[in-house]
C-alpha atoms as a PDB file:
ATOM      1  CA  UNK A   1      83.833  36.597 114.572  1.00  0.00           C
ATOM      2  CA  UNK A   2      82.856  33.280 115.498  1.00  0.00           C
ATOM      3  CA  UNK A   3      85.317  30.462 115.694  1.00  0.00           C
ATOM      4  CA  UNK A   4      84.571  27.280 114.435  1.00  0.00           C
ATOM      5  CA  UNK A   5      85.190  24.019 116.136  1.00  0.00           C
ATOM      6  CA  UNK A   6      88.921  24.389 115.829  1.00  0.00           C
ATOM      7  CA  UNK A   7      91.748  22.014 115.212  1.00  0.00           C
ATOM      8  CA  UNK A   8      94.905  22.549 117.251  1.00  0.00           C
ATOM      9  CA  UNK A   9      97.139  22.011 114.455  1.00  0.00           C
ATOM     10  CA  UNK A  10      95.277  25.036 112.574  1.00  0.00           C
ATOM     11  CA  UNK A  11      95.991  27.413 115.585  1.00  0.00           C
ATOM     12  CA  UNK A  12      99.424  26.514 115.721  1.00  0.00           C
ATOM     13  CA  UNK A  13     100.031  26.657 112.002  1.00  0.00           C
ATOM     14  CA  UNK A  14      98.656  30.251 112.303  1.00  0.00           C
ATOM     15  CA  UNK A  15     101.185  31.132 115.576  1.00  0.00           C
ATOM     16  CA  UNK A  16     104.106  29.673 113.432  1.00  0.00           C
ATOM     17  CA  UNK A  17     103.134  31.647 110.243  1.00  0.00           C
ATOM     18  CA  UNK A  18     103.048  34.721 112.272  1.00  0.00           C
ATOM     19  CA  UNK A  19     106.220  34.135 114.145  1.00  0.00           C
ATOM     20  CA  UNK A  20     107.920  33.671 110.729  1.00  0.00           C
ATOM     21  CA  UNK A  21     106.327  36.938 109.215  1.00  0.00           C
ATOM     22  CA  UNK A  22     104.497  34.836 106.631  1.00  0.00           C
ATOM     23  CA  UNK A  23     101.232  37.130 106.590  1.00  0.00           C
ATOM     24  CA  UNK A  24      99.688  35.757 103.391  1.00  0.00           C
ATOM     25  CA  UNK A  25      99.785  32.246 105.020  1.00  0.00           C
ATOM     26  CA  UNK A  26      98.498  33.459 108.334  1.00  0.00           C
ATOM     27  CA  UNK A  27      95.904  35.281 106.835  1.00  0.00           C
ATOM     28  CA  UNK A  28      94.388  32.218 105.102  1.00  0.00           C
ATOM     29  CA  UNK A  29      94.718  30.244 108.291  1.00  0.00           C
ATOM     30  CA  UNK A  30      92.866  32.885 110.057  1.00  0.00           C
ATOM     31  CA  UNK A  31      90.057  32.944 107.783  1.00  0.00           C
ATOM     32  CA  UNK A  32      89.797  29.015 108.185  1.00  0.00           C
ATOM     33  CA  UNK A  33      89.983  29.156 111.735  1.00  0.00           C
ATOM     34  CA  UNK A  34      87.478  32.002 112.180  1.00  0.00           C
ATOM     35  CA  UNK A  35      84.985  30.955 109.378  1.00  0.00           C
ATOM     36  CA  UNK A  36      81.548  31.913 110.064  1.00  0.00           C
ATOM     37  CA  UNK A  37      79.912  28.847 111.633  1.00  0.00           C
ATOM     38  CA  UNK A  38      76.072  28.329 112.125  1.00  0.00           C
ATOM     39  CA  UNK A  39      76.674  28.328 115.777  1.00  0.00           C
ATOM     40  CA  UNK A  40      78.918  28.031 118.887  1.00  0.00           C
ATOM     41  CA  UNK A  41      79.526  24.306 119.550  1.00  0.00           C
ATOM     42  CA  UNK A  42      78.712  22.860 122.778  1.00  0.00           C
ATOM     43  CA  UNK A  43      81.166  24.296 125.568  1.00  0.00           C
ATOM     44  CA  UNK A  44      82.699  26.555 122.913  1.00  0.00           C
ATOM     45  CA  UNK A  45      81.281  29.847 124.647  1.00  0.00           C
ATOM     46  CA  UNK A  46      83.260  29.075 127.873  1.00  0.00           C
ATOM     47  CA  UNK A  47      86.603  28.857 126.091  1.00  0.00           C
ATOM     48  CA  UNK A  48      87.043  32.240 124.442  1.00  0.00           C
ATOM     49  CA  UNK A  49      90.480  33.212 125.621  1.00  0.00           C
ATOM     50  CA  UNK A  50      92.331  31.652 123.166  1.00  0.00           C
ATOM     51  CA  UNK A  51      90.370  32.488 119.945  1.00  0.00           C
ATOM     52  CA  UNK A  52      90.531  35.988 121.263  1.00  0.00           C
ATOM     53  CA  UNK A  53      94.384  35.698 121.882  1.00  0.00           C
ATOM     54  CA  UNK A  54      94.765  34.458 118.484  1.00  0.00           C
ATOM     55  CA  UNK A  55      93.236  37.591 117.120  1.00  0.00           C
ATOM     56  CA  UNK A  56      95.272  39.747 119.127  1.00  0.00           C
ATOM     57  CA  UNK A  57      98.465  38.119 118.210  1.00  0.00           C
ATOM     58  CA  UNK A  58      97.421  38.220 114.319  1.00  0.00           C
ATOM     59  CA  UNK A  59      96.660  42.129 114.891  1.00  0.00           C
ATOM     60  CA  UNK A  60     100.066  42.555 116.739  1.00  0.00           C
ATOM     61  CA  UNK A  61     101.737  40.756 114.106  1.00  0.00           C
ATOM     62  CA  UNK A  62     100.176  42.398 111.276  1.00  0.00           C
ATOM     63  CA  UNK A  63     101.170  45.859 112.752  1.00  0.00           C
ATOM     64  CA  UNK A  64      97.647  46.841 114.308  1.00  0.00           C
ATOM     65  CA  UNK A  65      98.878  47.649 117.748  1.00  0.00           C
ATOM     66  CA  UNK A  66      95.711  49.326 119.062  1.00  0.00           C
ATOM     67  CA  UNK A  67      93.577  46.310 117.961  1.00  0.00           C
ATOM     68  CA  UNK A  68      95.789  44.023 119.442  1.00  0.00           C
ATOM     69  CA  UNK A  69      95.873  45.406 122.832  1.00  0.00           C
ATOM     70  CA  UNK A  70      92.096  45.605 122.885  1.00  0.00           C
ATOM     71  CA  UNK A  71      91.809  42.038 121.949  1.00  0.00           C
ATOM     72  CA  UNK A  72      94.407  40.999 124.744  1.00  0.00           C
ATOM     73  CA  UNK A  73      92.419  42.814 126.977  1.00  0.00           C
ATOM     74  CA  UNK A  74      89.122  41.090 125.752  1.00  0.00           C
ATOM     75  CA  UNK A  75      91.025  37.762 126.059  1.00  0.00           C
ATOM     76  CA  UNK A  76      91.901  38.300 129.811  1.00  0.00           C
ATOM     77  CA  UNK A  77      88.231  39.048 130.642  1.00  0.00           C
ATOM     78  CA  UNK A  78      87.510  35.392 129.659  1.00  0.00           C
ATOM     79  CA  UNK A  79      88.771  32.498 131.900  1.00  0.00           C
ATOM     80  CA  UNK A  80      91.427  30.315 130.788  1.00  0.00           C
ATOM     81  CA  UNK A  81      90.824  26.711 129.838  1.00  0.00           C
ATOM     82  CA  UNK A  82      91.451  24.390 132.752  1.00  0.00           C
ATOM     83  CA  UNK A  83      92.992  21.913 130.267  1.00  0.00           C
ATOM     84  CA  UNK A  84      95.748  24.141 128.818  1.00  0.00           C
ATOM     85  CA  UNK A  85      99.108  24.599 130.462  1.00  0.00           C
ATOM     86  CA  UNK A  86      99.457  28.154 129.305  1.00  0.00           C
ATOM     87  CA  UNK A  87      96.709  30.481 130.562  1.00  0.00           C
ATOM     88  CA  UNK A  88      98.123  33.143 128.346  1.00  0.00           C
ATOM     89  CA  UNK A  89      97.924  35.505 131.530  1.00  0.00           C
ATOM     90  CA  UNK A  90     100.752  37.288 129.963  1.00  0.00           C
ATOM     91  CA  UNK A  91      99.878  38.068 126.594  1.00  0.00           C
ATOM     92  CA  UNK A  92      98.734  41.890 127.264  1.00  0.00           C
ATOM     93  CA  UNK A  93     101.917  42.604 129.054  1.00  0.00           C
ATOM     94  CA  UNK A  94     104.043  40.659 126.229  1.00  0.00           C
ATOM     95  CA  UNK A  95     102.439  43.121 123.678  1.00  0.00           C
ATOM     96  CA  UNK A  96     103.149  46.041 125.651  1.00  0.00           C
ATOM     97  CA  UNK A  97     107.065  44.885 125.971  1.00  0.00           C
ATOM     98  CA  UNK A  98     107.097  44.533 122.233  1.00  0.00           C
ATOM     99  CA  UNK A  99     105.573  47.544 121.202  1.00  0.00           C
ATOM    100  CA  UNK A 100     107.902  49.428 123.742  1.00  0.00           C
ATOM    101  CA  UNK A 101     105.247  50.679 126.281  1.00  0.00           C
ATOM    102  CA  UNK A 102     107.542  49.923 128.986  1.00  0.00           C
ATOM    103  CA  UNK A 103     105.564  51.372 131.823  1.00  0.00           C
ATOM    104  CA  UNK A 104     102.462  49.297 130.974  1.00  0.00           C
ATOM    105  CA  UNK A 105     104.656  46.426 130.561  1.00  0.00           C
ATOM    106  CA  UNK A 106     105.902  46.548 134.122  1.00  0.00           C
ATOM    107  CA  UNK A 107     102.555  47.217 135.476  1.00  0.00           C
ATOM    108  CA  UNK A 108     101.089  44.105 133.589  1.00  0.00           C
ATOM    109  CA  UNK A 109     103.607  41.860 134.857  1.00  0.00           C
ATOM    110  CA  UNK A 110     103.538  42.946 138.134  1.00  0.00           C
ATOM    111  CA  UNK A 111      99.716  42.363 138.296  1.00  0.00           C
ATOM    112  CA  UNK A 112     100.363  38.887 137.006  1.00  0.00           C
ATOM    113  CA  UNK A 113     103.125  38.349 139.712  1.00  0.00           C
ATOM    114  CA  UNK A 114     100.756  39.186 142.452  1.00  0.00           C
ATOM    115  CA  UNK A 115      98.595  36.409 141.093  1.00  0.00           C
ATOM    116  CA  UNK A 116     101.301  34.035 140.498  1.00  0.00           C
ATOM    117  CA  UNK A 117     104.541  34.903 142.007  1.00  0.00           C
ATOM    118  CA  UNK A 118     106.239  31.743 140.375  1.00  0.00           C
ATOM    119  CA  UNK A 119     105.274  32.445 136.958  1.00  0.00           C
ATOM    120  CA  UNK A 120     108.666  32.178 135.416  1.00  0.00           C
ATOM    121  CA  UNK A 121     108.486  33.843 132.086  1.00  0.00           C
ATOM    122  CA  UNK A 122     106.554  36.878 133.503  1.00  0.00           C
ATOM    123  CA  UNK A 123     109.571  37.159 135.995  1.00  0.00           C
ATOM    124  CA  UNK A 124     111.891  36.743 133.027  1.00  0.00           C
ATOM    125  CA  UNK A 125     110.179  39.643 130.732  1.00  0.00           C
ATOM    126  CA  UNK A 126     109.810  41.742 133.954  1.00  0.00           C
ATOM    127  CA  UNK A 127     113.463  41.873 133.879  1.00  0.00           C
ATOM    128  CA  UNK A 128     113.557  42.681 130.275  1.00  0.00           C
ATOM    129  CA  UNK A 129     111.231  45.455 130.686  1.00  0.00           C
ATOM    130  CA  UNK A 130     113.314  46.977 133.599  1.00  0.00           C
ATOM    131  CA  UNK A 131     116.295  46.477 131.654  1.00  0.00           C
ATOM    132  CA  UNK A 132     115.141  48.450 128.811  1.00  0.00           C
ATOM    133  CA  UNK A 133     113.947  51.240 131.264  1.00  0.00           C
ATOM    134  CA  UNK A 134     117.288  51.477 132.425  1.00  0.00           C
ATOM    135  CA  UNK A 135     116.476  50.231 136.034  1.00  0.00           C
ATOM    136  CA  UNK A 136     119.296  47.665 136.057  1.00  0.00           C
ATOM    137  CA  UNK A 137     119.010  46.773 139.785  1.00  0.00           C
ATOM    138  CA  UNK A 138     115.345  45.688 139.386  1.00  0.00           C
ATOM    139  CA  UNK A 139     116.196  44.122 136.302  1.00  0.00           C
ATOM    140  CA  UNK A 140     118.888  41.858 137.903  1.00  0.00           C
ATOM    141  CA  UNK A 141     116.479  41.093 140.933  1.00  0.00           C
ATOM    142  CA  UNK A 142     113.887  40.078 138.315  1.00  0.00           C
ATOM    143  CA  UNK A 143     116.424  37.833 136.310  1.00  0.00           C
ATOM    144  CA  UNK A 144     117.580  36.176 139.784  1.00  0.00           C
ATOM    145  CA  UNK A 145     113.936  35.616 140.645  1.00  0.00           C
ATOM    146  CA  UNK A 146     113.473  34.035 137.345  1.00  0.00           C
ATOM    147  CA  UNK A 147     116.668  31.684 137.837  1.00  0.00           C
ATOM    148  CA  UNK A 148     115.118  30.653 141.079  1.00  0.00           C
ATOM    149  CA  UNK A 149     111.926  29.785 139.930  1.00  0.00           C
ATOM    150  CA  UNK A 150     112.980  27.908 137.004  1.00  0.00           C
ATOM    151  CA  UNK A 151     116.071  26.442 138.392  1.00  0.00           C
ATOM    152  CA  UNK A 152     115.110  22.933 137.188  1.00  0.00           C
ATOM    153  CA  UNK A 153     114.833  24.345 133.419  1.00  0.00           C
ATOM    154  CA  UNK A 154     117.192  23.131 130.790  1.00  0.00           C
ATOM    155  CA  UNK A 155     120.254  25.358 131.359  1.00  0.00           C
ATOM    156  CA  UNK A 156     120.614  25.644 127.370  1.00  0.00           C
ATOM    157  CA  UNK A 157     117.270  27.534 127.187  1.00  0.00           C
ATOM    158  CA  UNK A 158     117.731  31.127 125.552  1.00  0.00           C
ATOM    159  CA  UNK A 159     116.039  32.718 128.423  1.00  0.00           C
ATOM    160  CA  UNK A 160     118.250  30.904 130.995  1.00  0.00           C
ATOM    161  CA  UNK A 161     121.380  31.820 129.034  1.00  0.00           C
ATOM    162  CA  UNK A 162     120.430  35.384 128.752  1.00  0.00           C
ATOM    163  CA  UNK A 163     119.222  35.749 132.378  1.00  0.00           C
ATOM    164  CA  UNK A 164     122.496  34.284 133.850  1.00  0.00           C
ATOM    165  CA  UNK A 165     124.336  36.682 131.686  1.00  0.00           C
ATOM    166  CA  UNK A 166     122.497  39.634 133.079  1.00  0.00           C
ATOM    167  CA  UNK A 167     121.951  38.713 136.472  1.00  0.00           C
ATOM    168  CA  UNK A 168     125.419  37.180 137.476  1.00  0.00           C
ATOM    169  CA  UNK A 169     127.483  38.048 134.235  1.00  0.00           C
ATOM    170  CA  UNK A 170     127.867  34.512 133.059  1.00  0.00           C
ATOM    171  CA  UNK A 171     126.103  32.139 130.813  1.00  0.00           C
END
């Protein structure tokens, strides 16, 4: 599939439809976003991480786990765009966590944290993976590290509340 010159609003609408479980709307948006085009627009070939991520996210939310994992692995082969705040480096790890493949999730989060030890959501999700494995000591350490990394974040964020409850026993 070739990606047409995309509109950020279309991409975000697709993500929202998937998060809301609205697969018919997501399918229509996916068709619009990935409609065949006569060629790749100038510079488009260099920014393939996000379109590949979108395909993977669509597959994941559509129940096609193997396809999603393959798409996320492919997305990580592409460099992230320098203009985007979220490099999507954790897409594969998040998919593993959502699918309950906890050993793979832990390994992938640890890979990410070697690249960037201050990646807060990777640290938080690592805590979740450890917790689901029953490794409470490691989970607590991951949550404490997350709280340290993101100490300036809004304390009312759901992740902050959950991490405090799990790490220190209070919201």
